[in-house]
Amino acid sequence: MSITYLEAIREAQARALAEDPRVYIYGQDVGAFGGAFKATKNLATEFPGRVLDSPISEDAMVGSAIGAAIEGMRPIIEMQYADFSTVGFNQIVNNAATLFWRTETKCPIVIRLPSGGTPGSGPFHSQSMEALYATYPGLIVKTPATVEDAYSMLLEAVEIDDPVIFCEHKYLYYHLKAEGLPTEAMPTGKARIARAGRDATVVTYSAMVHEALAMADELAREGTEVEVVDLRSIKPLDTDTVLASVARTGRLLAVGEAWPWGGVTAEVVARVACDGYNLLDAAPMRLNAKETPVPFHPNLWGTHRPTARTIALAVKDLLRR
């Protein structure tokens, strides 16, 4: 029986609630309604008093979670959309991220961010905020691209004593399925070789992994073998796996759905240029969304972000260099 990316997130939360009485879920309409995307469907019935509706105040949601964590709880906060997390930005980056460094007090909170775009979502419900939070020391930022990682990385996040930003991609909720849930998992901070190759390395994460894999399948039919690296988490970022891949291929393309300026792709290129310049046979490249607000119209959304086609064109350009 197959399970979707969204169901894996729900199952991970159910298991966390069942195994640890310190865990609770807090967010807007997460109770009887089951959350905006039904990631907490039926959990309020199964775990009475531990799946709680919050006021429409992201600032209050995160602030209360920090207080609960200080007192020994392990809250999971659901933001309706990643975009709305900026309302609680002060609590996340100035309080949660710095708490241990200021007071040696642990802050084991998980903030789930439904991230990235879907057709027709528009500029207020489609942003990719991962690079923003990765800028701040003290935060762990996870970006699962598979059903298996959505499940195992969320369970791991609940056990971590630091605040975790869990960027789950909305487009993958129903579009991605697996045969079942994993029994073993790679740790956070370790990238995955999603496809081996010899001609170029594409480093990416989250939903873009699937666009990159589709691109690699297309180019393989033309005789080009592209290695695809799934970062899995961007804070910490597995530089060693990236450099090892570039050492095999000699070329790098970093791909992300977020805007280019100061983003994850910029960090990947910078690290390879600084630590693996001698490995490169051509200048590294990166491909991101266009530097505009995310458009509402589905056709415009489809050309705003990288796709398998545009990634393929970028790889071909890279190979000509």
Protein backbone atom coordinates (compact mmCIF):
# COMPACT_ATOMS: atom_id res chain seq x y z
CA MET A 1 0.00 0.00 0.00
CA SER A 2 1.49 3.34 -1.05
CA ILE A 3 1.81 6.37 1.22
CA THR A 4 2.02 10.01 0.20
CA TYR A 5 4.53 12.62 1.34
CA LEU A 6 1.76 14.30 3.36
CA GLU A 7 0.66 11.06 4.97
CA ALA A 8 4.27 10.36 5.95
CA ILE A 9 4.38 13.69 7.79
CA ARG A 10 1.11 12.86 9.55
CA GLU A 11 2.36 9.39 10.50
CA ALA A 12 5.61 10.82 11.88
CA GLN A 13 3.67 13.22 14.08
CA ALA A 14 1.38 10.44 15.28
CA ARG A 15 4.35 8.28 16.21
CA ALA A 16 6.07 11.17 18.00
CA LEU A 17 2.92 11.87 20.01
CA ALA A 18 2.48 8.19 20.86
CA GLU A 19 6.07 7.63 21.96
CA ASP A 20 6.79 10.84 23.86
CA PRO A 21 4.28 12.53 26.20
CA ARG A 22 6.30 15.75 25.97
CA VAL A 23 5.33 16.20 22.31
CA TYR A 24 2.35 18.32 21.33
CA ILE A 25 1.22 20.09 18.15
CA TYR A 26 0.19 23.72 18.07
CA GLY A 27 -1.05 25.73 15.11
CA GLN A 28 -3.96 27.37 13.37
CA ASP A 29 -6.86 24.95 12.75
CA VAL A 30 -4.71 21.88 13.46
CA GLY A 31 -7.33 20.38 15.80
CA ALA A 32 -10.73 19.24 14.54
CA PHE A 33 -10.09 20.72 11.08
CA GLY A 34 -6.82 18.83 10.70
CA GLY A 35 -4.72 21.74 9.47
CA ALA A 36 -4.78 23.69 6.21
CA PHE A 37 -3.38 20.68 4.30
CA LYS A 38 -4.71 17.94 6.64
CA ALA A 39 -1.27 17.12 8.01
CA THR A 40 -2.84 16.67 11.47
CA LYS A 41 -6.08 15.01 10.34
CA ASN A 42 -7.65 12.90 13.15
CA LEU A 43 -4.68 13.47 15.48
CA ALA A 44 -6.70 15.64 17.87
CA THR A 45 -9.14 12.76 18.37
CA GLU A 46 -6.39 10.21 18.81
CA PHE A 47 -4.40 12.40 21.21
CA PRO A 48 -6.87 14.57 23.16
CA GLY A 49 -5.45 17.79 24.56
CA ARG A 50 -2.18 17.50 22.64
CA VAL A 51 -3.16 18.84 19.20
CA LEU A 52 -4.15 22.41 19.95
CA ASP A 53 -5.58 25.25 17.90
CA SER A 54 -3.65 28.49 18.26
CA PRO A 55 -4.67 32.11 17.80
CA ILE A 56 -3.89 33.69 14.45
CA SER A 57 -0.56 34.95 15.72
CA GLU A 58 2.62 33.26 14.54
CA ASP A 59 4.57 35.39 16.99
CA ALA A 60 2.53 34.01 19.90
CA MET A 61 2.71 30.47 18.55
CA VAL A 62 6.50 30.40 18.50
CA GLY A 63 6.86 32.38 21.72
CA SER A 64 4.68 29.94 23.63
CA ALA A 65 6.58 27.00 22.13
CA ILE A 66 9.88 28.42 23.33
CA GLY A 67 8.46 28.76 26.84
CA ALA A 68 7.11 25.20 26.74
CA ALA A 69 10.45 23.88 25.50
CA ILE A 70 12.24 25.61 28.36
CA GLU A 71 9.91 23.76 30.72
CA GLY A 72 10.71 20.38 29.14
CA MET A 73 8.13 19.98 26.38
CA ARG A 74 8.84 19.24 22.71
CA PRO A 75 6.37 21.26 20.65
CA ILE A 76 5.71 20.90 16.94
CA ILE A 77 4.48 24.19 15.48
CA GLU A 78 2.59 24.13 12.18
CA MET A 79 2.67 27.29 10.12
CA GLN A 80 -0.17 27.34 7.62
CA TYR A 81 2.31 28.55 5.00
CA ALA A 82 6.05 29.14 5.18
CA ASP A 83 5.41 32.73 4.10
CA PHE A 84 3.53 33.44 7.34
CA SER A 85 6.49 32.41 9.48
CA THR A 86 7.96 35.88 8.99
CA VAL A 87 5.32 37.14 11.42
CA GLY A 88 7.07 35.04 14.07
CA PHE A 89 10.55 35.83 12.74
CA ASN A 90 11.72 37.69 15.84
CA GLN A 91 10.82 34.80 18.13
CA ILE A 92 12.51 32.26 15.81
CA VAL A 93 15.82 33.97 15.11
CA ASN A 94 16.30 36.24 18.14
CA ASN A 95 14.94 33.96 20.86
CA ALA A 96 14.80 30.30 19.79
CA ALA A 97 18.03 30.33 17.79
CA THR A 98 20.05 32.08 20.48
CA LEU A 99 18.58 30.55 23.63
CA PHE A 100 21.21 27.89 24.22
CA TRP A 101 24.08 30.26 23.46
CA ARG A 102 22.73 32.83 25.89
CA THR A 103 21.58 30.61 28.73
CA GLU A 104 22.72 27.00 28.01
CA THR A 105 19.01 26.12 27.97
CA LYS A 106 17.87 23.67 25.32
CA CYS A 107 15.14 24.73 22.88
CA PRO A 108 13.77 21.54 21.27
CA ILE A 109 11.04 22.96 19.03
CA VAL A 110 10.11 21.94 15.49
CA ILE A 111 8.57 24.54 13.18
CA ARG A 112 6.93 22.97 10.15
CA LEU A 113 6.88 25.23 7.10
CA PRO A 114 4.70 24.21 4.12
CA SER A 115 7.10 25.61 1.55
CA GLY A 116 7.46 26.27 -2.15
CA GLY A 117 4.97 26.90 -4.89
CA THR A 118 1.95 25.22 -6.41
CA PRO A 119 -0.06 26.42 -9.43
CA GLY A 120 -2.27 29.35 -8.49
CA SER A 121 -0.88 29.91 -4.98
CA GLY A 122 0.53 33.35 -5.69
CA PRO A 123 3.13 35.46 -3.92
CA PHE A 124 1.84 35.07 -0.34
CA HIS A 125 1.62 31.27 -0.28
CA SER A 126 4.53 30.02 -2.38
CA GLN A 127 7.80 31.29 -0.96
CA SER A 128 10.85 29.20 -0.15
CA MET A 129 12.22 30.55 3.13
CA GLU A 130 14.95 28.01 3.87
CA ALA A 131 17.95 30.21 3.04
CA LEU A 132 16.63 33.00 5.23
CA TYR A 133 16.58 30.77 8.30
CA ALA A 134 19.83 29.02 7.40
CA THR A 135 21.58 32.39 7.75
CA TYR A 136 21.09 32.30 11.52
CA PRO A 137 23.34 30.19 13.77
CA GLY A 138 21.46 27.96 16.17
CA LEU A 139 18.82 26.76 13.71
CA ILE A 140 18.76 23.43 11.87
CA VAL A 141 17.04 23.62 8.47
CA LYS A 142 15.72 20.42 6.88
CA THR A 143 14.45 20.15 3.30
CA PRO A 144 13.20 16.59 2.69
CA ALA A 145 12.64 15.61 -0.95
CA THR A 146 11.28 12.08 -0.50
CA VAL A 147 8.47 10.37 1.38
CA GLU A 148 11.03 8.42 3.37
CA ASP A 149 12.91 11.57 4.42
CA ALA A 150 9.71 13.46 5.23
CA TYR A 151 8.93 10.73 7.76
CA SER A 152 12.33 9.92 9.23
CA MET A 153 13.69 13.47 9.28
CA LEU A 154 10.60 14.78 11.09
CA LEU A 155 10.91 12.08 13.75
CA GLU A 156 14.57 12.95 14.14
CA ALA A 157 13.72 16.65 14.35
CA VAL A 158 11.48 16.06 17.37
CA GLU A 159 14.37 14.40 19.21
CA ILE A 160 16.92 17.15 18.48
CA ASP A 161 17.56 19.57 21.33
CA ASP A 162 17.95 22.56 18.98
CA PRO A 163 15.19 24.42 17.11
CA VAL A 164 14.49 22.83 13.73
CA ILE A 165 12.96 24.53 10.70
CA PHE A 166 11.28 21.73 8.76
CA CYS A 167 10.64 22.83 5.16
CA GLU A 168 8.12 20.41 3.67
CA HIS A 169 7.21 21.14 0.05
CA LYS A 170 3.51 21.63 -0.64
CA TYR A 171 3.73 20.40 -4.24
CA LEU A 172 5.04 17.06 -3.00
CA TYR A 173 2.18 16.54 -0.51
CA TYR A 174 0.00 14.61 -2.97
CA HIS A 175 2.28 14.28 -6.01
CA LEU A 176 4.84 12.02 -4.32
CA LYS A 177 4.25 8.48 -3.10
CA ALA A 178 6.30 5.59 -1.74
CA GLU A 179 5.57 1.93 -1.12
CA GLY A 180 5.92 2.31 2.62
CA LEU A 181 7.64 3.99 5.53
CA PRO A 182 11.36 3.46 6.17
CA THR A 183 12.81 1.47 9.04
CA GLU A 184 16.27 3.05 8.68
CA ALA A 185 17.33 6.57 7.74
CA MET A 186 20.35 8.69 6.93
CA PRO A 187 21.13 11.33 9.57
CA THR A 188 20.52 15.02 9.02
CA GLY A 189 23.57 16.70 7.55
CA LYS A 190 24.32 13.86 5.15
CA ALA A 191 23.51 14.40 1.47
CA ARG A 192 22.29 11.61 -0.80
CA ILE A 193 23.44 10.66 -4.26
CA ALA A 194 20.01 10.43 -5.88
CA ARG A 195 21.49 9.40 -9.22
CA ALA A 196 25.08 8.57 -10.13
CA GLY A 197 26.70 10.17 -13.17
CA ARG A 198 30.02 11.05 -14.76
CA ASP A 199 29.55 14.19 -16.88
CA ALA A 200 28.22 16.86 -14.50
CA THR A 201 26.95 17.28 -10.95
CA VAL A 202 23.58 18.86 -10.17
CA VAL A 203 23.21 19.77 -6.50
CA THR A 204 19.69 20.52 -5.33
CA TYR A 205 17.09 19.83 -2.64
CA SER A 206 13.36 19.55 -1.92
CA ALA A 207 11.02 19.45 -4.95
CA MET A 208 13.81 20.39 -7.34
CA VAL A 209 15.34 16.94 -6.79
CA HIS A 210 12.53 15.46 -8.87
CA GLU A 211 12.93 18.02 -11.63
CA ALA A 212 16.66 17.24 -11.66
CA LEU A 213 16.03 13.49 -11.83
CA ALA A 214 13.62 13.97 -14.73
CA MET A 215 16.27 16.07 -16.46
CA ALA A 216 18.90 13.37 -15.86
CA ASP A 217 16.63 10.73 -17.39
CA GLU A 218 16.10 12.93 -20.44
CA LEU A 219 19.80 13.62 -20.96
CA ALA A 220 20.71 9.97 -20.39
CA ARG A 221 18.77 9.15 -23.55
CA GLU A 222 21.16 11.49 -25.34
CA GLY A 223 24.24 9.86 -23.82
CA THR A 224 24.91 12.37 -21.03
CA GLU A 225 25.10 11.02 -17.48
CA VAL A 226 24.35 13.61 -14.81
CA GLU A 227 24.94 12.99 -11.11
CA VAL A 228 22.17 14.38 -8.89
CA VAL A 229 22.95 15.23 -5.26
CA ASP A 230 20.03 15.70 -2.86
CA LEU A 231 21.25 17.89 0.01
CA ARG A 232 18.37 16.77 2.30
CA SER A 233 19.27 19.50 4.79
CA ILE A 234 20.81 22.86 4.06
CA LYS A 235 21.86 23.61 7.64
CA PRO A 236 24.03 21.65 8.16
CA LEU A 237 25.12 21.36 4.53
CA ASP A 238 27.13 18.32 3.47
CA THR A 239 30.03 19.95 1.63
CA ASP A 240 32.06 16.73 1.58
CA THR A 241 29.52 14.82 -0.52
CA VAL A 242 29.19 17.75 -2.92
CA LEU A 243 32.96 18.03 -3.35
CA ALA A 244 33.31 14.27 -3.86
CA SER A 245 30.71 14.41 -6.62
CA VAL A 246 32.39 17.37 -8.32
CA ALA A 247 35.69 15.49 -8.12
CA ARG A 248 34.08 12.72 -10.18
CA THR A 249 32.43 14.95 -12.79
CA GLY A 250 34.44 18.19 -12.91
CA ARG A 251 31.33 20.33 -13.37
CA LEU A 252 28.73 21.83 -11.02
CA LEU A 253 25.22 23.19 -11.45
CA ALA A 254 23.39 24.19 -8.25
CA VAL A 255 19.59 24.33 -8.59
CA GLY A 256 16.99 25.82 -6.25
CA GLU A 257 13.37 26.94 -6.36
CA ALA A 258 14.08 29.99 -4.20
CA TRP A 259 15.33 33.33 -5.44
CA PRO A 260 19.02 33.49 -6.39
CA TRP A 261 20.33 36.36 -4.29
CA GLY A 262 22.24 34.99 -1.29
CA GLY A 263 20.48 31.65 -1.47
CA VAL A 264 21.38 27.99 -1.05
CA THR A 265 22.72 27.72 -4.59
CA ALA A 266 25.02 30.67 -3.94
CA GLU A 267 26.33 28.94 -0.82
CA VAL A 268 26.96 25.68 -2.68
CA VAL A 269 28.83 27.43 -5.48
CA ALA A 270 30.85 29.47 -2.98
CA ARG A 271 31.90 26.39 -1.03
CA VAL A 272 32.96 24.49 -4.14
CA ALA A 273 34.81 27.52 -5.50
CA CYS A 274 36.63 28.01 -2.19
CA ASP A 275 37.29 24.39 -1.20
CA GLY A 276 37.30 22.55 -4.53
CA TYR A 277 38.41 25.00 -7.19
CA ASN A 278 41.05 22.55 -8.40
CA LEU A 279 38.33 19.96 -9.04
CA LEU A 280 36.47 22.08 -11.59
CA ASP A 281 36.88 21.78 -15.34
CA ALA A 282 34.54 24.74 -15.93
CA ALA A 283 33.14 27.63 -13.94
CA PRO A 284 30.29 26.51 -11.64
CA MET A 285 26.75 27.56 -12.52
CA ARG A 286 23.50 27.97 -10.64
CA LEU A 287 19.83 28.08 -11.61
CA ASN A 288 17.05 29.56 -9.50
CA ALA A 289 13.57 30.99 -9.75
CA LYS A 290 13.25 34.35 -11.43
CA GLU A 291 13.92 37.28 -9.13
CA THR A 292 10.31 38.42 -8.96
CA PRO A 293 7.47 37.70 -6.53
CA VAL A 294 5.93 34.30 -7.25
CA PRO A 295 3.21 34.82 -9.90
CA PHE A 296 -0.37 33.75 -9.30
CA HIS A 297 -1.25 32.54 -12.80
CA PRO A 298 -0.46 28.81 -13.16
CA ASN A 299 1.20 29.29 -16.55
CA LEU A 300 3.47 32.01 -15.17
CA TRP A 301 4.25 29.92 -12.11
CA GLY A 302 5.37 27.12 -14.39
CA THR A 303 8.00 29.35 -16.00
CA HIS A 304 9.02 31.14 -12.80
CA ARG A 305 10.82 28.18 -11.20
CA PRO A 306 13.37 25.79 -12.69
CA THR A 307 11.94 22.79 -14.51
CA ALA A 308 13.44 19.62 -15.97
CA ARG A 309 13.65 21.40 -19.32
CA THR A 310 15.42 24.52 -18.06
CA ILE A 311 17.78 22.44 -15.93
CA ALA A 312 18.63 20.34 -19.00
CA LEU A 313 19.40 23.48 -20.99
CA ALA A 314 21.64 24.74 -18.17
CA VAL A 315 23.51 21.42 -18.02
CA LYS A 316 24.08 21.50 -21.78
CA ASP A 317 25.44 25.04 -21.43
CA LEU A 318 27.70 23.87 -18.61
CA LEU A 319 29.04 21.00 -20.71
CA ARG A 320 29.96 23.38 -23.53
CA ARG A 321 32.18 25.44 -21.23
